[in-house]
All heavy atoms as atom14 arrays in JSON, in Angstrom:
{
  "sequence": "FNFADTVQFLEFEQYILNPSSALKNVRTELDKEVNEDSKIVVLSTC",
  "atom14_mask": [
    [1, 1, 1, 1, 1, 1, 1, 1, 1, 1, 1, 0, 0, 0],
    [1, 1, 1, 1, 1, 1, 1, 1, 0, 0, 0, 0, 0, 0],
    [1, 1, 1, 1, 1, 1, 1, 1, 1, 1, 1, 0, 0, 0],
    [1, 1, 1, 1, 1, 0, 0, 0, 0, 0, 0, 0, 0, 0],
    [1, 1, 1, 1, 1, 1, 1, 1, 0, 0, 0, 0, 0, 0],
    [1, 1, 1, 1, 1, 1, 1, 0, 0, 0, 0, 0, 0, 0],
    [1, 1, 1, 1, 1, 1, 1, 0, 0, 0, 0, 0, 0, 0],
    [1, 1, 1, 1, 1, 1, 1, 1, 1, 0, 0, 0, 0, 0],
    [1, 1, 1, 1, 1, 1, 1, 1, 1, 1, 1, 0, 0, 0],
    [1, 1, 1, 1, 1, 1, 1, 1, 0, 0, 0, 0, 0, 0],
    [1, 1, 1, 1, 1, 1, 1, 1, 1, 0, 0, 0, 0, 0],
    [1, 1, 1, 1, 1, 1, 1, 1, 1, 1, 1, 0, 0, 0],
    [1, 1, 1, 1, 1, 1, 1, 1, 1, 0, 0, 0, 0, 0],
    [1, 1, 1, 1, 1, 1, 1, 1, 1, 0, 0, 0, 0, 0],
    [1, 1, 1, 1, 1, 1, 1, 1, 1, 1, 1, 1, 0, 0],
    [1, 1, 1, 1, 1, 1, 1, 1, 0, 0, 0, 0, 0, 0],
    [1, 1, 1, 1, 1, 1, 1, 1, 0, 0, 0, 0, 0, 0],
    [1, 1, 1, 1, 1, 1, 1, 1, 0, 0, 0, 0, 0, 0],
    [1, 1, 1, 1, 1, 1, 1, 0, 0, 0, 0, 0, 0, 0],
    [1, 1, 1, 1, 1, 1, 0, 0, 0, 0, 0, 0, 0, 0],
    [1, 1, 1, 1, 1, 1, 0, 0, 0, 0, 0, 0, 0, 0],
    [1, 1, 1, 1, 1, 0, 0, 0, 0, 0, 0, 0, 0, 0],
    [1, 1, 1, 1, 1, 1, 1, 1, 0, 0, 0, 0, 0, 0],
    [1, 1, 1, 1, 1, 1, 1, 1, 1, 0, 0, 0, 0, 0],
    [1, 1, 1, 1, 1, 1, 1, 1, 0, 0, 0, 0, 0, 0],
    [1, 1, 1, 1, 1, 1, 1, 0, 0, 0, 0, 0, 0, 0],
    [1, 1, 1, 1, 1, 1, 1, 1, 1, 1, 1, 0, 0, 0],
    [1, 1, 1, 1, 1, 1, 1, 0, 0, 0, 0, 0, 0, 0],
    [1, 1, 1, 1, 1, 1, 1, 1, 1, 0, 0, 0, 0, 0],
    [1, 1, 1, 1, 1, 1, 1, 1, 0, 0, 0, 0, 0, 0],
    [1, 1, 1, 1, 1, 1, 1, 1, 0, 0, 0, 0, 0, 0],
    [1, 1, 1, 1, 1, 1, 1, 1, 1, 0, 0, 0, 0, 0],
    [1, 1, 1, 1, 1, 1, 1, 1, 1, 0, 0, 0, 0, 0],
    [1, 1, 1, 1, 1, 1, 1, 0, 0, 0, 0, 0, 0, 0],
    [1, 1, 1, 1, 1, 1, 1, 1, 0, 0, 0, 0, 0, 0],
    [1, 1, 1, 1, 1, 1, 1, 1, 1, 0, 0, 0, 0, 0],
    [1, 1, 1, 1, 1, 1, 1, 1, 0, 0, 0, 0, 0, 0],
    [1, 1, 1, 1, 1, 1, 0, 0, 0, 0, 0, 0, 0, 0],
    [1, 1, 1, 1, 1, 1, 1, 1, 1, 0, 0, 0, 0, 0],
    [1, 1, 1, 1, 1, 1, 1, 1, 0, 0, 0, 0, 0, 0],
    [1, 1, 1, 1, 1, 1, 1, 0, 0, 0, 0, 0, 0, 0],
    [1, 1, 1, 1, 1, 1, 1, 0, 0, 0, 0, 0, 0, 0],
    [1, 1, 1, 1, 1, 1, 1, 1, 0, 0, 0, 0, 0, 0],
    [1, 1, 1, 1, 1, 1, 0, 0, 0, 0, 0, 0, 0, 0],
    [1, 1, 1, 1, 1, 1, 1, 0, 0, 0, 0, 0, 0, 0],
    [1, 1, 1, 1, 1, 1, 0, 0, 0, 0, 0, 0, 0, 0]
  ],
  "atom14_positions": [
    [[185.15, -103.11, 126.24], [184.82, -103.24, 124.82], [183.31, -103.21, 124.64], [182.57, -103.71, 125.48], [185.36, -104.55, 124.25], [186.85, -104.7, 124.35], [187.42, -105.32, 125.46], [187.69, -104.24, 123.35], [188.79, -105.48, 125.58], [189.07, -104.39, 123.46], [189.62, -105.0, 124.57], [0.0, 0.0, 0.0], [0.0, 0.0, 0.0], [0.0, 0.0, 0.0]],
    [[182.9, -102.64, 123.54], [181.48, -102.69, 123.16], [181.33, -103.78, 122.11], [181.48, -103.53, 120.91], [181.02, -101.34, 122.62], [179.58, -101.39, 122.12], [178.82, -102.31, 122.45], [179.19, -100.42, 121.32], [0.0, 0.0, 0.0], [0.0, 0.0, 0.0], [0.0, 0.0, 0.0], [0.0, 0.0, 0.0], [0.0, 0.0, 0.0], [0.0, 0.0, 0.0]],
    [[181.03, -104.98, 122.56], [180.98, -106.11, 121.62], [179.75, -106.09, 120.72], [179.67, -106.87, 119.77], [181.08, -107.43, 122.38], [182.42, -107.64, 123.03], [182.53, -107.84, 124.4], [183.57, -107.63, 122.26], [183.77, -108.03, 125.0], [184.82, -107.82, 122.84], [184.92, -108.02, 124.21], [0.0, 0.0, 0.0], [0.0, 0.0, 0.0], [0.0, 0.0, 0.0]],
    [[178.82, -105.19, 120.99], [177.71, -105.01, 120.05], [178.19, -104.33, 118.78], [177.57, -104.44, 117.72], [176.6, -104.18, 120.71], [0.0, 0.0, 0.0], [0.0, 0.0, 0.0], [0.0, 0.0, 0.0], [0.0, 0.0, 0.0], [0.0, 0.0, 0.0], [0.0, 0.0, 0.0], [0.0, 0.0, 0.0], [0.0, 0.0, 0.0], [0.0, 0.0, 0.0]],
    [[179.32, -103.63, 118.89], [179.96, -103.0, 117.74], [180.82, -104.05, 117.05], [181.81, -104.53, 117.59], [180.82, -101.82, 118.22], [181.49, -101.08, 117.08], [181.64, -101.67, 115.99], [181.87, -99.92, 117.29], [0.0, 0.0, 0.0], [0.0, 0.0, 0.0], [0.0, 0.0, 0.0], [0.0, 0.0, 0.0], [0.0, 0.0, 0.0], [0.0, 0.0, 0.0]],
    [[180.45, -104.4, 115.84], [181.13, -105.47, 115.12], [182.61, -105.16, 114.91], [183.46, -106.07, 114.98], [180.45, -105.75, 113.77], [179.1, -106.18, 114.01], [181.16, -106.83, 112.97], [0.0, 0.0, 0.0], [0.0, 0.0, 0.0], [0.0, 0.0, 0.0], [0.0, 0.0, 0.0], [0.0, 0.0, 0.0], [0.0, 0.0, 0.0], [0.0, 0.0, 0.0]],
    [[182.94, -103.92, 114.68], [184.35, -103.55, 114.48], [185.16, -103.86, 115.73], [186.23, -104.48, 115.66], [184.47, -102.06, 114.1], [185.94, -101.64, 114.08], [183.83, -101.8, 112.75], [0.0, 0.0, 0.0], [0.0, 0.0, 0.0], [0.0, 0.0, 0.0], [0.0, 0.0, 0.0], [0.0, 0.0, 0.0], [0.0, 0.0, 0.0], [0.0, 0.0, 0.0]],
    [[184.64, -103.46, 116.91], [185.36, -103.73, 118.15], [185.44, -105.23, 118.43], [186.46, -105.73, 118.91], [184.68, -103.02, 119.32], [184.85, -101.51, 119.3], [184.45, -100.87, 120.61], [184.77, -101.38, 121.69], [183.76, -99.75, 120.53], [0.0, 0.0, 0.0], [0.0, 0.0, 0.0], [0.0, 0.0, 0.0], [0.0, 0.0, 0.0], [0.0, 0.0, 0.0]],
    [[184.36, -105.93, 118.12], [184.36, -107.38, 118.34], [185.41, -108.06, 117.47], [186.17, -108.91, 117.94], [182.97, -107.95, 118.05], [182.88, -109.45, 118.12], [183.2, -110.12, 119.29], [182.49, -110.19, 117.01], [183.13, -111.51, 119.36], [182.42, -111.57, 117.07], [182.74, -112.23, 118.25], [0.0, 0.0, 0.0], [0.0, 0.0, 0.0], [0.0, 0.0, 0.0]],
    [[185.47, -107.67, 116.2], [186.45, -108.28, 115.3], [187.88, -107.93, 115.71], [188.79, -108.75, 115.57], [186.18, -107.84, 113.86], [184.89, -108.38, 113.23], [184.67, -107.8, 111.85], [184.91, -109.91, 113.16], [0.0, 0.0, 0.0], [0.0, 0.0, 0.0], [0.0, 0.0, 0.0], [0.0, 0.0, 0.0], [0.0, 0.0, 0.0], [0.0, 0.0, 0.0]],
    [[188.08, -106.72, 116.23], [189.4, -106.34, 116.71], [189.81, -107.2, 117.91], [190.96, -107.64, 118.01], [189.41, -104.86, 117.1], [189.37, -103.92, 115.9], [189.28, -102.46, 116.31], [189.05, -102.19, 117.52], [189.41, -101.59, 115.42], [0.0, 0.0, 0.0], [0.0, 0.0, 0.0], [0.0, 0.0, 0.0], [0.0, 0.0, 0.0], [0.0, 0.0, 0.0]],
    [[188.85, -107.46, 118.82], [189.14, -108.32, 119.97], [189.47, -109.74, 119.49], [190.4, -110.38, 120.0], [187.95, -108.34, 120.91], [188.14, -109.19, 122.14], [188.91, -108.73, 123.2], [187.56, -110.44, 122.24], [189.11, -109.51, 124.34], [187.75, -111.23, 123.37], [188.53, -110.76, 124.42], [0.0, 0.0, 0.0], [0.0, 0.0, 0.0], [0.0, 0.0, 0.0]],
    [[188.71, -110.25, 118.53], [188.99, -111.58, 117.98], [190.39, -111.65, 117.4], [191.12, -112.63, 117.62], [187.96, -111.94, 116.91], [186.62, -112.38, 117.45], [185.72, -112.92, 116.35], [185.88, -112.52, 115.17], [184.86, -113.74, 116.66], [0.0, 0.0, 0.0], [0.0, 0.0, 0.0], [0.0, 0.0, 0.0], [0.0, 0.0, 0.0], [0.0, 0.0, 0.0]],
    [[190.76, -110.63, 116.66], [192.1, -110.63, 116.06], [193.17, -110.62, 117.13], [194.24, -111.24, 116.97], [192.27, -109.43, 115.12], [191.49, -109.55, 113.82], [191.81, -110.85, 113.08], [192.97, -111.16, 112.82], [190.78, -111.62, 112.74], [0.0, 0.0, 0.0], [0.0, 0.0, 0.0], [0.0, 0.0, 0.0], [0.0, 0.0, 0.0], [0.0, 0.0, 0.0]],
    [[192.9, -109.94, 118.23], [193.89, -109.9, 119.32], [194.06, -111.29, 119.95], [195.19, -111.73, 120.17], [193.5, -108.9, 120.4], [194.56, -108.8, 121.47], [195.68, -108.0, 121.29], [194.46, -109.56, 122.64], [196.69, -107.94, 122.26], [195.46, -109.52, 123.61], [196.57, -108.71, 123.42], [197.57, -108.68, 124.36], [0.0, 0.0, 0.0], [0.0, 0.0, 0.0]],
    [[192.95, -111.96, 120.26], [193.09, -113.28, 120.91], [193.62, -114.34, 119.94], [194.14, -115.37, 120.37], [191.77, -113.74, 121.58], [190.68, -113.99, 120.55], [191.33, -112.74, 122.64], [189.39, -114.54, 121.15], [0.0, 0.0, 0.0], [0.0, 0.0, 0.0], [0.0, 0.0, 0.0], [0.0, 0.0, 0.0], [0.0, 0.0, 0.0], [0.0, 0.0, 0.0]],
    [[193.5, -114.07, 118.64], [194.1, -114.97, 117.65], [195.62, -114.78, 117.59], [196.36, -115.69, 117.17], [193.5, -114.74, 116.27], [192.1, -115.32, 116.03], [191.48, -114.72, 114.77], [192.15, -116.83, 115.94], [0.0, 0.0, 0.0], [0.0, 0.0, 0.0], [0.0, 0.0, 0.0], [0.0, 0.0, 0.0], [0.0, 0.0, 0.0], [0.0, 0.0, 0.0]],
    [[196.08, -113.6, 118.0], [197.52, -113.32, 117.98], [197.86, -112.33, 119.1], [198.11, -111.15, 118.84], [197.94, -112.75, 116.62], [199.44, -112.57, 116.52], [200.21, -113.25, 117.2], [199.86, -111.63, 115.68], [0.0, 0.0, 0.0], [0.0, 0.0, 0.0], [0.0, 0.0, 0.0], [0.0, 0.0, 0.0], [0.0, 0.0, 0.0], [0.0, 0.0, 0.0]],
    [[197.85, -112.79, 120.35], [198.1, -111.88, 121.48], [199.52, -111.31, 121.43], [200.45, -111.94, 120.93], [197.93, -112.79, 122.71], [197.25, -114.02, 122.21], [197.63, -114.17, 120.79], [0.0, 0.0, 0.0], [0.0, 0.0, 0.0], [0.0, 0.0, 0.0], [0.0, 0.0, 0.0], [0.0, 0.0, 0.0], [0.0, 0.0, 0.0], [0.0, 0.0, 0.0]],
    [[199.67, -110.09, 121.98], [200.98, -109.45, 122.01], [201.83, -109.9, 123.19], [203.0, -109.57, 123.28], [200.81, -107.92, 122.05], [200.07, -107.54, 123.21], [0.0, 0.0, 0.0], [0.0, 0.0, 0.0], [0.0, 0.0, 0.0], [0.0, 0.0, 0.0], [0.0, 0.0, 0.0], [0.0, 0.0, 0.0], [0.0, 0.0, 0.0], [0.0, 0.0, 0.0]],
    [[201.25, -110.67, 124.09], [201.95, -111.1, 125.31], [203.13, -112.02, 124.98], [203.1, -112.81, 124.03], [200.96, -111.85, 126.22], [201.63, -112.44, 127.3], [0.0, 0.0, 0.0], [0.0, 0.0, 0.0], [0.0, 0.0, 0.0], [0.0, 0.0, 0.0], [0.0, 0.0, 0.0], [0.0, 0.0, 0.0], [0.0, 0.0, 0.0], [0.0, 0.0, 0.0]],
    [[204.16, -111.9, 125.82], [205.3, -112.81, 125.69], [204.95, -114.2, 126.22], [205.52, -115.21, 125.78], [206.5, -112.25, 126.45], [0.0, 0.0, 0.0], [0.0, 0.0, 0.0], [0.0, 0.0, 0.0], [0.0, 0.0, 0.0], [0.0, 0.0, 0.0], [0.0, 0.0, 0.0], [0.0, 0.0, 0.0], [0.0, 0.0, 0.0], [0.0, 0.0, 0.0]],
    [[204.02, -114.23, 127.18], [203.57, -115.51, 127.74], [202.29, -115.92, 127.02], [201.19, -115.49, 127.36], [203.31, -115.38, 129.24], [202.77, -116.64, 129.95], [203.74, -117.79, 129.84], [202.45, -116.33, 131.41], [0.0, 0.0, 0.0], [0.0, 0.0, 0.0], [0.0, 0.0, 0.0], [0.0, 0.0, 0.0], [0.0, 0.0, 0.0], [0.0, 0.0, 0.0]],
    [[202.42, -116.74, 125.99], [201.24, -117.1, 125.2], [201.45, -118.42, 124.47], [202.58, -118.83, 124.17], [200.92, -116.01, 124.17], [201.98, -115.87, 123.08], [201.57, -114.81, 122.06], [202.64, -114.66, 120.98], [202.27, -113.63, 119.98], [0.0, 0.0, 0.0], [0.0, 0.0, 0.0], [0.0, 0.0, 0.0], [0.0, 0.0, 0.0], [0.0, 0.0, 0.0]],
    [[200.34, -119.07, 124.2], [200.28, -120.19, 123.28], [199.07, -119.97, 122.38], [198.0, -119.55, 122.85], [200.16, -121.52, 124.02], [201.49, -122.0, 124.56], [202.44, -122.16, 123.8], [201.57, -122.21, 125.87], [0.0, 0.0, 0.0], [0.0, 0.0, 0.0], [0.0, 0.0, 0.0], [0.0, 0.0, 0.0], [0.0, 0.0, 0.0], [0.0, 0.0, 0.0]],
    [[199.23, -120.24, 121.09], [198.19, -119.95, 120.1], [197.99, -121.15, 119.2], [198.96, -121.78, 118.76], [198.55, -118.71, 119.25], [197.48, -118.44, 118.19], [198.74, -117.48, 120.13], [0.0, 0.0, 0.0], [0.0, 0.0, 0.0], [0.0, 0.0, 0.0], [0.0, 0.0, 0.0], [0.0, 0.0, 0.0], [0.0, 0.0, 0.0], [0.0, 0.0, 0.0]],
    [[196.72, -121.45, 118.91], [196.39, -122.54, 118.0], [196.19, -121.97, 116.6], [195.33, -121.11, 116.4], [195.13, -123.27, 118.47], [194.97, -124.67, 117.87], [193.82, -125.43, 118.56], [193.92, -125.37, 120.01], [194.74, -126.12, 120.74], [195.55, -126.98, 120.14], [194.77, -125.99, 122.05], [0.0, 0.0, 0.0], [0.0, 0.0, 0.0], [0.0, 0.0, 0.0]],
    [[196.96, -122.44, 115.67], [196.89, -121.88, 114.31], [195.89, -122.59, 113.42], [195.38, -121.99, 112.47], [198.28, -121.93, 113.65], [198.76, -123.28, 113.67], [199.27, -121.04, 114.39], [0.0, 0.0, 0.0], [0.0, 0.0, 0.0], [0.0, 0.0, 0.0], [0.0, 0.0, 0.0], [0.0, 0.0, 0.0], [0.0, 0.0, 0.0], [0.0, 0.0, 0.0]],
    [[195.6, -123.85, 113.71], [194.64, -124.6, 112.9], [193.37, -124.81, 113.71], [193.37, -125.53, 114.72], [195.22, -125.93, 112.45], [196.41, -125.79, 111.5], [196.91, -127.13, 111.0], [196.23, -128.16, 111.27], [197.95, -127.16, 110.33], [0.0, 0.0, 0.0], [0.0, 0.0, 0.0], [0.0, 0.0, 0.0], [0.0, 0.0, 0.0], [0.0, 0.0, 0.0]],
    [[192.28, -124.2, 113.26], [191.01, -124.25, 113.98], [189.96, -125.03, 113.2], [190.02, -125.1, 111.96], [190.5, -122.83, 114.25], [191.42, -121.93, 115.09], [190.85, -120.53, 115.19], [191.63, -122.53, 116.49], [0.0, 0.0, 0.0], [0.0, 0.0, 0.0], [0.0, 0.0, 0.0], [0.0, 0.0, 0.0], [0.0, 0.0, 0.0], [0.0, 0.0, 0.0]],
    [[189.01, -125.61, 113.93], [187.95, -126.38, 113.29], [187.03, -125.5, 112.45], [186.47, -125.94, 111.45], [187.11, -127.11, 114.34], [187.91, -128.13, 115.11], [189.05, -128.43, 114.7], [187.41, -128.64, 116.14], [0.0, 0.0, 0.0], [0.0, 0.0, 0.0], [0.0, 0.0, 0.0], [0.0, 0.0, 0.0], [0.0, 0.0, 0.0], [0.0, 0.0, 0.0]],
    [[186.86, -124.25, 112.91], [185.97, -123.33, 112.21], [186.63, -121.96, 112.11], [187.44, -121.58, 112.96], [184.64, -123.18, 112.97], [183.73, -124.38, 112.91], [182.39, -124.09, 113.59], [181.45, -125.27, 113.47], [180.14, -124.97, 114.1], [0.0, 0.0, 0.0], [0.0, 0.0, 0.0], [0.0, 0.0, 0.0], [0.0, 0.0, 0.0], [0.0, 0.0, 0.0]],
    [[186.25, -121.22, 111.09], [186.75, -119.86, 110.94], [186.19, -118.98, 112.06], [185.02, -119.09, 112.43], [186.3, -119.28, 109.59], [186.72, -117.84, 109.36], [186.1, -117.25, 108.12], [185.25, -117.93, 107.49], [186.45, -116.11, 107.77], [0.0, 0.0, 0.0], [0.0, 0.0, 0.0], [0.0, 0.0, 0.0], [0.0, 0.0, 0.0], [0.0, 0.0, 0.0]],
    [[187.04, -118.13, 112.61], [186.6, -117.17, 113.61], [186.17, -115.9, 112.89], [186.95, -115.29, 112.16], [187.73, -116.87, 114.62], [187.3, -115.81, 115.62], [188.14, -118.14, 115.34], [0.0, 0.0, 0.0], [0.0, 0.0, 0.0], [0.0, 0.0, 0.0], [0.0, 0.0, 0.0], [0.0, 0.0, 0.0], [0.0, 0.0, 0.0], [0.0, 0.0, 0.0]],
    [[184.9, -115.51, 113.08], [184.37, -114.35, 112.36], [183.34, -113.62, 113.21], [183.22, -113.88, 114.41], [183.76, -114.78, 111.02], [182.69, -115.86, 111.19], [181.9, -115.83, 112.13], [182.68, -116.84, 110.3], [0.0, 0.0, 0.0], [0.0, 0.0, 0.0], [0.0, 0.0, 0.0], [0.0, 0.0, 0.0], [0.0, 0.0, 0.0], [0.0, 0.0, 0.0]],
    [[182.58, -112.73, 112.62], [181.63, -111.91, 113.38], [180.46, -112.71, 113.94], [179.73, -112.22, 114.8], [181.09, -110.77, 112.51], [180.27, -111.2, 111.31], [179.83, -110.01, 110.48], [180.63, -109.56, 109.66], [178.69, -109.56, 110.67], [0.0, 0.0, 0.0], [0.0, 0.0, 0.0], [0.0, 0.0, 0.0], [0.0, 0.0, 0.0], [0.0, 0.0, 0.0]],
    [[180.27, -113.94, 113.47], [179.2, -114.79, 114.0], [179.68, -115.75, 115.08], [178.88, -116.51, 115.64], [178.57, -115.6, 112.85], [177.9, -114.72, 111.82], [177.25, -113.74, 112.22], [178.04, -115.0, 110.61], [0.0, 0.0, 0.0], [0.0, 0.0, 0.0], [0.0, 0.0, 0.0], [0.0, 0.0, 0.0], [0.0, 0.0, 0.0], [0.0, 0.0, 0.0]],
    [[180.96, -115.72, 115.39], [181.51, -116.64, 116.38], [181.04, -116.29, 117.8], [180.69, -115.15, 118.09], [183.04, -116.6, 116.34], [183.52, -117.04, 115.08], [0.0, 0.0, 0.0], [0.0, 0.0, 0.0], [0.0, 0.0, 0.0], [0.0, 0.0, 0.0], [0.0, 0.0, 0.0], [0.0, 0.0, 0.0], [0.0, 0.0, 0.0], [0.0, 0.0, 0.0]],
    [[181.05, -117.32, 118.64], [180.73, -117.15, 120.06], [181.99, -117.5, 120.86], [182.47, -118.63, 120.81], [179.57, -118.06, 120.47], [178.27, -117.8, 119.69], [177.69, -116.45, 120.06], [176.33, -116.23, 119.38], [176.43, -116.05, 117.93], [0.0, 0.0, 0.0], [0.0, 0.0, 0.0], [0.0, 0.0, 0.0], [0.0, 0.0, 0.0], [0.0, 0.0, 0.0]],
    [[182.51, -116.5, 121.59], [183.77, -116.63, 122.31], [183.5, -116.75, 123.81], [182.68, -116.01, 124.35], [184.68, -115.41, 122.07], [184.92, -115.19, 120.57], [186.0, -115.57, 122.81], [185.66, -116.29, 119.88], [0.0, 0.0, 0.0], [0.0, 0.0, 0.0], [0.0, 0.0, 0.0], [0.0, 0.0, 0.0], [0.0, 0.0, 0.0], [0.0, 0.0, 0.0]],
    [[184.19, -117.67, 124.47], [184.18, -117.74, 125.93], [185.62, -117.54, 126.42], [186.55, -118.2, 125.93], [183.63, -119.08, 126.44], [183.97, -119.29, 127.92], [182.11, -119.12, 126.27], [0.0, 0.0, 0.0], [0.0, 0.0, 0.0], [0.0, 0.0, 0.0], [0.0, 0.0, 0.0], [0.0, 0.0, 0.0], [0.0, 0.0, 0.0], [0.0, 0.0, 0.0]],
    [[185.78, -116.62, 127.37], [187.08, -116.33, 127.96], [187.08, -116.82, 129.41], [186.22, -116.41, 130.2], [187.38, -114.82, 127.92], [188.72, -114.52, 128.62], [187.4, -114.3, 126.49], [0.0, 0.0, 0.0], [0.0, 0.0, 0.0], [0.0, 0.0, 0.0], [0.0, 0.0, 0.0], [0.0, 0.0, 0.0], [0.0, 0.0, 0.0], [0.0, 0.0, 0.0]],
    [[188.03, -117.69, 129.75], [188.22, -118.13, 131.13], [189.3, -117.24, 131.73], [190.43, -117.19, 131.22], [188.64, -119.6, 131.17], [187.79, -120.58, 130.35], [188.31, -122.01, 130.52], [186.33, -120.49, 130.73], [0.0, 0.0, 0.0], [0.0, 0.0, 0.0], [0.0, 0.0, 0.0], [0.0, 0.0, 0.0], [0.0, 0.0, 0.0], [0.0, 0.0, 0.0]],
    [[188.96, -116.54, 132.8], [189.85, -115.53, 133.37], [190.22, -115.88, 134.81], [189.34, -116.16, 135.63], [189.18, -114.15, 133.32], [189.98, -113.18, 133.96], [0.0, 0.0, 0.0], [0.0, 0.0, 0.0], [0.0, 0.0, 0.0], [0.0, 0.0, 0.0], [0.0, 0.0, 0.0], [0.0, 0.0, 0.0], [0.0, 0.0, 0.0], [0.0, 0.0, 0.0]],
    [[191.53, -115.84, 135.1], [191.99, -116.07, 136.47], [193.2, -115.18, 136.75], [193.78, -114.57, 135.84], [192.33, -117.56, 136.7], [192.47, -117.8, 138.09], [193.58, -117.97, 135.96], [0.0, 0.0, 0.0], [0.0, 0.0, 0.0], [0.0, 0.0, 0.0], [0.0, 0.0, 0.0], [0.0, 0.0, 0.0], [0.0, 0.0, 0.0], [0.0, 0.0, 0.0]],
    [[193.6, -115.13, 138.0], [194.74, -114.3, 138.41], [196.07, -115.01, 138.13], [196.11, -116.21, 137.86], [194.66, -113.97, 139.89], [193.19, -113.0, 140.33], [0.0, 0.0, 0.0], [0.0, 0.0, 0.0], [0.0, 0.0, 0.0], [0.0, 0.0, 0.0], [0.0, 0.0, 0.0], [0.0, 0.0, 0.0], [0.0, 0.0, 0.0], [0.0, 0.0, 0.0]]
  ]
}
């Protein structure tokens, strides 16, 4: 992804807000709105 591109960044945000995976848990009530100014950290493991 080119996260410098706001469109791509917002698309990625929308995906992690509602992943297509069958194995998922999602938080629907957040302390702050997720938008183009948000800072996201992804913890990745196998």
